Amino acid sequence: MLVLAAILAALQAPPAQTPPPPLQPSATLSPCVDPAVRARCPDLVMAAPSDLRAERTRSGRRLLRIRNSIENVGSGPVELFAQRTGPREMAARQVLEDPPGIRRRYQTGAEVYYTSVPARGGDYWKFDDAARFELWGLFPDGRRAGLVRIGPKLRYCLRDRDRVGVPGRGSRVPARRVFPACNQSARKTEVTLGTSVGWADVYPASYPGNFIEVTGLVGCFVVLHRADPDRHILELSEANNVSARVVRLPFRPGRQGCPRYVPPASE
């Protein structure tokens, strides 16, 4: 009887449940937003264009010089590990760390080039398309019209230049530089570039390429600084990569007398 009762109980009991498989990183979600990964990711923002100044070259070109700053306000550094693929180029993978402390490398399409900057001491390994200076027309209602010009500076070291801090991330902001100046060795087969949490890669208005040519332009325009325009950096948010400033050309310091800029809803 006891044996029969055990058999009947087993038949009536629900089938044993196998534990669910562990979550796997999504094929469509960035590891920065995938709850299965929860990687510590950077978040790049551009400080507003500043220290604007007009310059006229000997050939008669008119330049609008601008200071710019790429700041990392994320939960982890932006770090690129690059390996040689040609005489002056490297393919880079982004390094992210997950909560247990495991560091993983992700293919993002990022590239690093050995870039000549004679006025600043030679050649440097720099991240391509790190940021872009854009000049747009401005409608009377503050909406931007068409793209008018793009500045020549597209490559950046992604170094720890200035400590800017981030509210709420005090413990993650290094007290000292982790990523120094760009490597200048032509013999390097591997380099690491990066910007720590709470640090910025900053370039003054006088830096080579830190301008937009404005020859012949008259009226109201908006200067945009756009971080990572081709989205080769995995980050916490892509919605805060643009900063703006309205200018009247020819440029003079002070009030510009232009409509207030109204950014599109997608930015």
C-alpha atoms as a PDB file:
ATOM      1  CA  MET A   1       0.000   0.000   0.000  1.00  0.00           C
ATOM      2  CA  LEU A   2       2.787   2.409   0.858  1.00  0.00           C
ATOM      3  CA  VAL A   3       4.484   1.683  -2.451  1.00  0.00           C
ATOM      4  CA  LEU A   4       1.216   2.218  -4.375  1.00  0.00           C
ATOM      5  CA  ALA A   5       0.582   5.527  -2.567  1.00  0.00           C
ATOM      6  CA  ALA A   6       4.082   6.783  -3.446  1.00  0.00           C
ATOM      7  CA  ILE A   7       3.549   5.886  -7.118  1.00  0.00           C
ATOM      8  CA  LEU A   8       0.194   7.722  -7.221  1.00  0.00           C
ATOM      9  CA  ALA A   9       1.708  10.816  -5.529  1.00  0.00           C
ATOM     10  CA  ALA A  10       4.522  10.903  -8.045  1.00  0.00           C
ATOM     11  CA  LEU A  11       2.070  10.702 -10.946  1.00  0.00           C
ATOM     12  CA  GLN A  12       0.007  13.581  -9.546  1.00  0.00           C
ATOM     13  CA  ALA A  13       2.959  15.862  -8.720  1.00  0.00           C
ATOM     14  CA  PRO A  14       3.930  18.572 -11.249  1.00  0.00           C
ATOM     15  CA  PRO A  15       6.924  17.760 -13.446  1.00  0.00           C
ATOM     16  CA  ALA A  16      10.325  18.823 -12.148  1.00  0.00           C
ATOM     17  CA  GLN A  17      11.349  22.279 -13.363  1.00  0.00           C
ATOM     18  CA  THR A  18      14.838  22.722 -14.790  1.00  0.00           C
ATOM     19  CA  PRO A  19      16.485  26.033 -13.883  1.00  0.00           C
ATOM     20  CA  PRO A  20      16.341  28.674 -16.648  1.00  0.00           C
ATOM     21  CA  PRO A  21      19.495  29.175 -18.690  1.00  0.00           C
ATOM     22  CA  PRO A  22      21.646  32.183 -17.724  1.00  0.00           C
ATOM     23  CA  LEU A  23      20.901  35.437 -19.530  1.00  0.00           C
ATOM     24  CA  GLN A  24      23.041  35.999 -22.603  1.00  0.00           C
ATOM     25  CA  PRO A  25      24.017  39.392 -24.018  1.00  0.00           C
ATOM     26  CA  SER A  26      21.484  40.509 -26.605  1.00  0.00           C
ATOM     27  CA  ALA A  27      22.517  40.545 -30.251  1.00  0.00           C
ATOM     28  CA  THR A  28      20.660  43.839 -30.750  1.00  0.00           C
ATOM     29  CA  LEU A  29      21.269  45.714 -27.488  1.00  0.00           C
ATOM     30  CA  SER A  30      24.451  47.572 -26.659  1.00  0.00           C
ATOM     31  CA  PRO A  31      26.262  46.093 -23.633  1.00  0.00           C
ATOM     32  CA  CYS A  32      25.820  49.537 -22.095  1.00  0.00           C
ATOM     33  CA  VAL A  33      22.038  49.103 -21.878  1.00  0.00           C
ATOM     34  CA  ASP A  34      21.657  45.305 -21.988  1.00  0.00           C
ATOM     35  CA  PRO A  35      20.473  44.180 -18.497  1.00  0.00           C
ATOM     36  CA  ALA A  36      22.264  40.860 -19.005  1.00  0.00           C
ATOM     37  CA  VAL A  37      25.624  42.656 -19.249  1.00  0.00           C
ATOM     38  CA  ARG A  38      25.351  45.945 -17.315  1.00  0.00           C
ATOM     39  CA  ALA A  39      28.793  47.036 -18.473  1.00  0.00           C
ATOM     40  CA  ARG A  40      30.370  50.138 -16.966  1.00  0.00           C
ATOM     41  CA  CYS A  41      30.260  52.427 -19.972  1.00  0.00           C
ATOM     42  CA  PRO A  42      31.353  55.936 -20.880  1.00  0.00           C
ATOM     43  CA  ASP A  43      28.949  58.731 -21.761  1.00  0.00           C
ATOM     44  CA  LEU A  44      30.490  61.363 -24.005  1.00  0.00           C
ATOM     45  CA  VAL A  45      29.216  64.929 -23.948  1.00  0.00           C
ATOM     46  CA  MET A  46      30.562  68.004 -25.692  1.00  0.00           C
ATOM     47  CA  ALA A  47      31.041  71.153 -23.659  1.00  0.00           C
ATOM     48  CA  ALA A  48      29.474  74.199 -25.310  1.00  0.00           C
ATOM     49  CA  PRO A  49      31.692  75.854 -27.951  1.00  0.00           C
ATOM     50  CA  SER A  50      33.712  78.520 -26.175  1.00  0.00           C
ATOM     51  CA  ASP A  51      36.493  81.104 -26.594  1.00  0.00           C
ATOM     52  CA  LEU A  52      35.262  81.966 -30.097  1.00  0.00           C
ATOM     53  CA  ARG A  53      37.517  84.306 -32.035  1.00  0.00           C
ATOM     54  CA  ALA A  54      37.779  85.533 -35.610  1.00  0.00           C
ATOM     55  CA  GLU A  55      40.977  85.072 -37.581  1.00  0.00           C
ATOM     56  CA  ARG A  56      41.978  86.263 -41.030  1.00  0.00           C
ATOM     57  CA  THR A  57      44.789  84.380 -42.763  1.00  0.00           C
ATOM     58  CA  ARG A  58      47.429  85.903 -45.023  1.00  0.00           C
ATOM     59  CA  SER A  59      45.575  84.509 -48.022  1.00  0.00           C
ATOM     60  CA  GLY A  60      42.398  86.305 -46.993  1.00  0.00           C
ATOM     61  CA  ARG A  61      40.451  83.310 -45.613  1.00  0.00           C
ATOM     62  CA  ARG A  62      38.269  83.973 -42.580  1.00  0.00           C
ATOM     63  CA  LEU A  63      38.289  81.406 -39.774  1.00  0.00           C
ATOM     64  CA  LEU A  64      36.128  81.045 -36.702  1.00  0.00           C
ATOM     65  CA  ARG A  65      38.379  79.545 -34.040  1.00  0.00           C
ATOM     66  CA  ILE A  66      36.777  77.595 -31.187  1.00  0.00           C
ATOM     67  CA  ARG A  67      37.806  75.842 -27.975  1.00  0.00           C
ATOM     68  CA  ASN A  68      36.283  72.394 -27.544  1.00  0.00           C
ATOM     69  CA  SER A  69      36.123  69.710 -24.883  1.00  0.00           C
ATOM     70  CA  ILE A  70      34.985  66.068 -25.002  1.00  0.00           C
ATOM     71  CA  GLU A  71      33.903  65.065 -21.483  1.00  0.00           C
ATOM     72  CA  ASN A  72      33.151  61.607 -20.101  1.00  0.00           C
ATOM     73  CA  VAL A  73      30.244  61.638 -17.633  1.00  0.00           C
ATOM     74  CA  GLY A  74      29.570  57.884 -17.720  1.00  0.00           C
ATOM     75  CA  SER A  75      30.074  55.051 -15.259  1.00  0.00           C
ATOM     76  CA  GLY A  76      33.274  53.786 -16.884  1.00  0.00           C
ATOM     77  CA  PRO A  77      36.153  55.080 -19.009  1.00  0.00           C
ATOM     78  CA  VAL A  78      36.109  55.313 -22.769  1.00  0.00           C
ATOM     79  CA  GLU A  79      39.041  53.053 -23.612  1.00  0.00           C
ATOM     80  CA  LEU A  80      40.234  51.945 -27.042  1.00  0.00           C
ATOM     81  CA  PHE A  81      42.790  49.180 -27.587  1.00  0.00           C
ATOM     82  CA  ALA A  82      44.234  49.565 -31.089  1.00  0.00           C
ATOM     83  CA  GLN A  83      46.437  47.225 -33.147  1.00  0.00           C
ATOM     84  CA  ARG A  84      48.382  47.964 -36.307  1.00  0.00           C
ATOM     85  CA  THR A  85      46.695  47.281 -39.655  1.00  0.00           C
ATOM     86  CA  GLY A  86      48.823  49.445 -41.954  1.00  0.00           C
ATOM     87  CA  PRO A  87      51.763  51.875 -42.104  1.00  0.00           C
ATOM     88  CA  ARG A  88      49.870  54.672 -40.326  1.00  0.00           C
ATOM     89  CA  GLU A  89      46.666  53.069 -39.115  1.00  0.00           C
ATOM     90  CA  MET A  90      45.277  50.727 -36.486  1.00  0.00           C
ATOM     91  CA  ALA A  91      41.940  49.003 -35.906  1.00  0.00           C
ATOM     92  CA  ALA A  92      40.596  49.571 -32.396  1.00  0.00           C
ATOM     93  CA  ARG A  93      38.317  47.647 -30.075  1.00  0.00           C
ATOM     94  CA  GLN A  94      36.538  49.253 -27.161  1.00  0.00           C
ATOM     95  CA  VAL A  95      37.294  47.899 -23.694  1.00  0.00           C
ATOM     96  CA  LEU A  96      34.381  47.654 -21.252  1.00  0.00           C
ATOM     97  CA  GLU A  97      34.262  46.233 -17.758  1.00  0.00           C
ATOM     98  CA  ASP A  98      31.251  44.377 -16.337  1.00  0.00           C
ATOM     99  CA  PRO A  99      30.256  44.465 -12.628  1.00  0.00           C
ATOM    100  CA  PRO A 100      32.347  41.376 -11.676  1.00  0.00           C
ATOM    101  CA  GLY A 101      35.396  43.191 -13.045  1.00  0.00           C
ATOM    102  CA  ILE A 102      35.809  41.224 -16.280  1.00  0.00           C
ATOM    103  CA  ARG A 103      37.225  43.361 -19.088  1.00  0.00           C
ATOM    104  CA  ARG A 104      35.939  42.588 -22.579  1.00  0.00           C
ATOM    105  CA  ARG A 105      36.831  44.006 -25.998  1.00  0.00           C
ATOM    106  CA  TYR A 106      34.097  44.985 -28.465  1.00  0.00           C
ATOM    107  CA  GLN A 107      34.368  45.596 -32.203  1.00  0.00           C
ATOM    108  CA  THR A 108      32.840  49.007 -32.961  1.00  0.00           C
ATOM    109  CA  GLY A 109      34.518  50.039 -36.213  1.00  0.00           C
ATOM    110  CA  ALA A 110      36.803  52.502 -34.427  1.00  0.00           C
ATOM    111  CA  GLU A 111      40.093  53.357 -36.154  1.00  0.00           C
ATOM    112  CA  VAL A 112      43.255  55.079 -34.968  1.00  0.00           C
ATOM    113  CA  TYR A 113      45.630  56.955 -37.303  1.00  0.00           C
ATOM    114  CA  TYR A 114      49.173  58.258 -36.983  1.00  0.00           C
ATOM    115  CA  THR A 115      48.342  61.919 -37.512  1.00  0.00           C
ATOM    116  CA  SER A 116      50.737  64.717 -38.360  1.00  0.00           C
ATOM    117  CA  VAL A 117      50.505  67.868 -36.222  1.00  0.00           C
ATOM    118  CA  PRO A 118      53.789  69.701 -37.023  1.00  0.00           C
ATOM    119  CA  ALA A 119      52.903  72.788 -34.980  1.00  0.00           C
ATOM    120  CA  ARG A 120      52.478  70.580 -31.901  1.00  0.00           C
ATOM    121  CA  GLY A 121      55.605  68.505 -32.047  1.00  0.00           C
ATOM    122  CA  GLY A 122      55.190  65.851 -34.722  1.00  0.00           C
ATOM    123  CA  ASP A 123      52.915  62.838 -35.231  1.00  0.00           C
ATOM    124  CA  TYR A 124      50.407  61.306 -32.795  1.00  0.00           C
ATOM    125  CA  TRP A 125      48.212  58.203 -32.696  1.00  0.00           C
ATOM    126  CA  LYS A 126      44.655  59.603 -32.684  1.00  0.00           C
ATOM    127  CA  PHE A 127      41.105  58.247 -32.767  1.00  0.00           C
ATOM    128  CA  ASP A 128      39.467  59.031 -36.102  1.00  0.00           C
ATOM    129  CA  ASP A 129      36.074  60.811 -36.218  1.00  0.00           C
ATOM    130  CA  ALA A 130      36.083  61.384 -32.469  1.00  0.00           C
ATOM    131  CA  ALA A 131      34.219  64.674 -32.854  1.00  0.00           C
ATOM    132  CA  ARG A 132      33.148  67.197 -35.464  1.00  0.00           C
ATOM    133  CA  PHE A 133      32.668  70.974 -35.732  1.00  0.00           C
ATOM    134  CA  GLU A 134      29.571  71.824 -37.783  1.00  0.00           C
ATOM    135  CA  LEU A 135      28.155  75.161 -38.951  1.00  0.00           C
ATOM    136  CA  TRP A 136      24.448  75.253 -39.787  1.00  0.00           C
ATOM    137  CA  GLY A 137      22.189  77.959 -41.139  1.00  0.00           C
ATOM    138  CA  LEU A 138      19.549  79.334 -38.781  1.00  0.00           C
ATOM    139  CA  PHE A 139      15.910  80.034 -39.647  1.00  0.00           C
ATOM    140  CA  PRO A 140      14.233  83.143 -38.116  1.00  0.00           C
ATOM    141  CA  ASP A 141      12.285  80.855 -35.729  1.00  0.00           C
ATOM    142  CA  GLY A 142      15.506  79.344 -34.322  1.00  0.00           C
ATOM    143  CA  ARG A 143      15.328  76.032 -36.144  1.00  0.00           C
ATOM    144  CA  ARG A 144      18.456  75.087 -37.991  1.00  0.00           C
ATOM    145  CA  ALA A 145      18.572  75.149 -41.767  1.00  0.00           C
ATOM    146  CA  GLY A 146      21.058  73.235 -43.918  1.00  0.00           C
ATOM    147  CA  LEU A 147      24.604  72.212 -43.026  1.00  0.00           C
ATOM    148  CA  VAL A 148      26.968  74.891 -44.341  1.00  0.00           C
ATOM    149  CA  ARG A 149      30.519  73.933 -43.293  1.00  0.00           C
ATOM    150  CA  ILE A 150      32.462  71.269 -41.360  1.00  0.00           C
ATOM    151  CA  GLY A 151      35.717  72.020 -39.558  1.00  0.00           C
ATOM    152  CA  PRO A 152      38.895  70.084 -40.424  1.00  0.00           C
ATOM    153  CA  LYS A 153      39.598  68.643 -36.963  1.00  0.00           C
ATOM    154  CA  LEU A 154      38.220  65.098 -36.675  1.00  0.00           C
ATOM    155  CA  ARG A 155      40.914  63.180 -34.791  1.00  0.00           C
ATOM    156  CA  TYR A 156      41.531  63.258 -31.032  1.00  0.00           C
ATOM    157  CA  CYS A 157      43.845  61.644 -28.519  1.00  0.00           C
ATOM    158  CA  LEU A 158      41.060  60.785 -26.044  1.00  0.00           C
ATOM    159  CA  ARG A 159      43.399  61.646 -23.169  1.00  0.00           C
ATOM    160  CA  ASP A 160      42.835  62.739 -19.585  1.00  0.00           C
ATOM    161  CA  ARG A 161      43.560  66.443 -20.013  1.00  0.00           C
ATOM    162  CA  ASP A 162      41.367  68.278 -17.476  1.00  0.00           C
ATOM    163  CA  ARG A 163      39.539  66.871 -14.447  1.00  0.00           C
ATOM    164  CA  VAL A 164      35.937  68.092 -14.667  1.00  0.00           C
ATOM    165  CA  GLY A 165      34.168  65.785 -12.196  1.00  0.00           C
ATOM    166  CA  VAL A 166      30.674  64.316 -12.480  1.00  0.00           C
ATOM    167  CA  PRO A 167      27.873  64.684  -9.891  1.00  0.00           C
ATOM    168  CA  GLY A 168      27.138  61.328  -8.274  1.00  0.00           C
ATOM    169  CA  ARG A 169      30.244  59.590  -9.614  1.00  0.00           C
ATOM    170  CA  GLY A 170      32.826  60.849  -7.143  1.00  0.00           C
ATOM    171  CA  SER A 171      34.307  57.454  -6.315  1.00  0.00           C
ATOM    172  CA  ARG A 172      34.764  56.625 -10.006  1.00  0.00           C
ATOM    173  CA  VAL A 173      36.588  59.841 -10.906  1.00  0.00           C
ATOM    174  CA  PRO A 174      40.354  59.209 -10.730  1.00  0.00           C
ATOM    175  CA  ALA A 175      42.291  61.799  -8.769  1.00  0.00           C
ATOM    176  CA  ARG A 176      45.117  61.627 -11.306  1.00  0.00           C
ATOM    177  CA  ARG A 177      45.429  61.035 -15.029  1.00  0.00           C
ATOM    178  CA  VAL A 178      45.025  57.426 -16.161  1.00  0.00           C
ATOM    179  CA  PHE A 179      45.301  58.059 -19.908  1.00  0.00           C
ATOM    180  CA  PRO A 180      48.200  60.417 -20.676  1.00  0.00           C
ATOM    181  CA  ALA A 181      49.056  62.277 -23.885  1.00  0.00           C
ATOM    182  CA  CYS A 182      48.936  60.507 -27.255  1.00  0.00           C
ATOM    183  CA  ASN A 183      51.697  58.086 -28.107  1.00  0.00           C
ATOM    184  CA  GLN A 184      54.107  59.453 -30.722  1.00  0.00           C
ATOM    185  CA  SER A 185      56.125  56.350 -31.585  1.00  0.00           C
ATOM    186  CA  ALA A 186      55.945  55.336 -35.248  1.00  0.00           C
ATOM    187  CA  ARG A 187      57.124  51.828 -34.278  1.00  0.00           C
ATOM    188  CA  LYS A 188      54.178  51.028 -32.029  1.00  0.00           C
ATOM    189  CA  THR A 189      52.093  48.019 -33.031  1.00  0.00           C
ATOM    190  CA  GLU A 190      49.568  48.524 -30.219  1.00  0.00           C
ATOM    191  CA  VAL A 191      48.327  51.620 -28.364  1.00  0.00           C
ATOM    192  CA  THR A 192      45.646  52.376 -25.790  1.00  0.00           C
ATOM    193  CA  LEU A 193      43.702  55.641 -25.866  1.00  0.00           C
ATOM    194  CA  GLY A 194      41.069  56.762 -23.402  1.00  0.00           C
ATOM    195  CA  THR A 195      39.350  59.287 -21.191  1.00  0.00           C
ATOM    196  CA  SER A 196      38.475  58.470 -17.584  1.00  0.00           C
ATOM    197  CA  VAL A 197      35.157  59.174 -15.884  1.00  0.00           C
ATOM    198  CA  GLY A 198      35.061  62.833 -14.856  1.00  0.00           C
ATOM    199  CA  TRP A 199      37.905  63.831 -17.184  1.00  0.00           C
ATOM    200  CA  ALA A 200      37.967  65.675 -20.521  1.00  0.00           C
ATOM    201  CA  ASP A 201      40.072  65.814 -23.663  1.00  0.00           C
ATOM    202  CA  VAL A 202      40.390  69.577 -24.224  1.00  0.00           C
ATOM    203  CA  TYR A 203      41.803  71.586 -27.134  1.00  0.00           C
ATOM    204  CA  PRO A 204      42.227  75.385 -27.130  1.00  0.00           C
ATOM    205  CA  ALA A 205      40.962  77.638 -29.894  1.00  0.00           C
ATOM    206  CA  SER A 206      44.540  78.087 -31.103  1.00  0.00           C
ATOM    207  CA  TYR A 207      45.052  74.345 -31.706  1.00  0.00           C
ATOM    208  CA  PRO A 208      45.647  73.351 -35.369  1.00  0.00           C
ATOM    209  CA  GLY A 209      42.340  72.532 -37.029  1.00  0.00           C
ATOM    210  CA  ASN A 210      40.184  73.958 -34.231  1.00  0.00           C
ATOM    211  CA  PHE A 211      38.196  76.185 -36.563  1.00  0.00           C
ATOM    212  CA  ILE A 212      35.460  76.405 -39.155  1.00  0.00           C
ATOM    213  CA  GLU A 213      36.147  78.379 -42.304  1.00  0.00           C
ATOM    214  CA  VAL A 214      33.537  81.131 -42.604  1.00  0.00           C
ATOM    215  CA  THR A 215      34.850  83.048 -45.624  1.00  0.00           C
ATOM    216  CA  GLY A 216      32.026  84.875 -47.371  1.00  0.00           C
ATOM    217  CA  LEU A 217      29.332  83.970 -44.822  1.00  0.00           C
ATOM    218  CA  VAL A 218      27.008  86.673 -43.480  1.00  0.00           C
ATOM    219  CA  GLY A 219      24.097  86.341 -41.047  1.00  0.00           C
ATOM    220  CA  CYS A 220      23.023  84.081 -38.175  1.00  0.00           C
ATOM    221  CA  PHE A 221      24.311  80.528 -37.832  1.00  0.00           C
ATOM    222  CA  VAL A 222      24.623  77.854 -35.168  1.00  0.00           C
ATOM    223  CA  VAL A 223      27.909  76.129 -34.312  1.00  0.00           C
ATOM    224  CA  LEU A 224      27.476  72.488 -33.277  1.00  0.00           C
ATOM    225  CA  HIS A 225      30.094  70.339 -31.567  1.00  0.00           C
ATOM    226  CA  ARG A 226      29.208  66.684 -32.073  1.00  0.00           C
ATOM    227  CA  ALA A 227      30.929  63.839 -30.192  1.00  0.00           C
ATOM    228  CA  ASP A 228      31.463  60.499 -31.950  1.00  0.00           C
ATOM    229  CA  PRO A 229      29.427  61.422 -35.063  1.00  0.00           C
ATOM    230  CA  ASP A 230      29.780  57.923 -36.598  1.00  0.00           C
ATOM    231  CA  ARG A 231      28.920  56.155 -33.307  1.00  0.00           C
ATOM    232  CA  HIS A 232      32.074  54.102 -32.963  1.00  0.00           C
ATOM    233  CA  ILE A 233      31.922  54.403 -29.159  1.00  0.00           C
ATOM    234  CA  LEU A 234      29.495  52.313 -27.105  1.00  0.00           C
ATOM    235  CA  GLU A 235      28.063  54.614 -24.446  1.00  0.00           C
ATOM    236  CA  LEU A 236      25.222  55.040 -21.973  1.00  0.00           C
ATOM    237  CA  SER A 237      23.385  57.633 -24.061  1.00  0.00           C
ATOM    238  CA  GLU A 238      23.582  58.887 -27.635  1.00  0.00           C
ATOM    239  CA  ALA A 239      21.100  61.689 -26.895  1.00  0.00           C
ATOM    240  CA  ASN A 240      23.585  64.111 -25.302  1.00  0.00           C
ATOM    241  CA  ASN A 241      26.447  64.143 -27.808  1.00  0.00           C
ATOM    242  CA  VAL A 242      25.775  67.611 -29.248  1.00  0.00           C
ATOM    243  CA  SER A 243      26.336  71.116 -27.893  1.00  0.00           C
ATOM    244  CA  ALA A 244      25.521  74.371 -29.674  1.00  0.00           C
ATOM    245  CA  ARG A 245      26.174  78.091 -29.809  1.00  0.00           C
ATOM    246  CA  VAL A 246      24.565  80.735 -32.026  1.00  0.00           C
ATOM    247  CA  VAL A 247      26.852  83.177 -33.867  1.00  0.00           C
ATOM    248  CA  ARG A 248      26.480  86.104 -36.230  1.00  0.00           C
ATOM    249  CA  LEU A 249      28.997  86.277 -39.054  1.00  0.00           C
ATOM    250  CA  PRO A 250      31.285  88.096 -39.573  1.00  0.00           C
ATOM    251  CA  PHE A 251      31.935  87.241 -35.925  1.00  0.00           C
ATOM    252  CA  ARG A 252      32.381  89.833 -33.215  1.00  0.00           C
ATOM    253  CA  PRO A 253      32.384  89.111 -29.458  1.00  0.00           C
ATOM    254  CA  GLY A 254      29.354  90.084 -27.409  1.00  0.00           C
ATOM    255  CA  ARG A 255      25.635  89.775 -28.040  1.00  0.00           C
ATOM    256  CA  GLN A 256      24.976  88.197 -31.405  1.00  0.00           C
ATOM    257  CA  GLY A 257      21.436  89.527 -31.996  1.00  0.00           C
ATOM    258  CA  CYS A 258      20.262  86.206 -33.473  1.00  0.00           C
ATOM    259  CA  PRO A 259      17.261  83.952 -32.778  1.00  0.00           C
ATOM    260  CA  ARG A 260      17.610  81.508 -29.914  1.00  0.00           C
ATOM    261  CA  TYR A 261      18.522  78.068 -31.222  1.00  0.00           C
ATOM    262  CA  VAL A 262      15.779  75.426 -31.084  1.00  0.00           C
ATOM    263  CA  PRO A 263      17.330  71.944 -31.386  1.00  0.00           C
ATOM    264  CA  PRO A 264      15.397  69.165 -33.141  1.00  0.00           C
ATOM    265  CA  ALA A 265      13.483  66.734 -30.956  1.00  0.00           C
ATOM    266  CA  SER A 266      15.858  63.921 -31.948  1.00  0.00           C
ATOM    267  CA  GLU A 267      18.870  65.692 -30.405  1.00  0.00           C
END
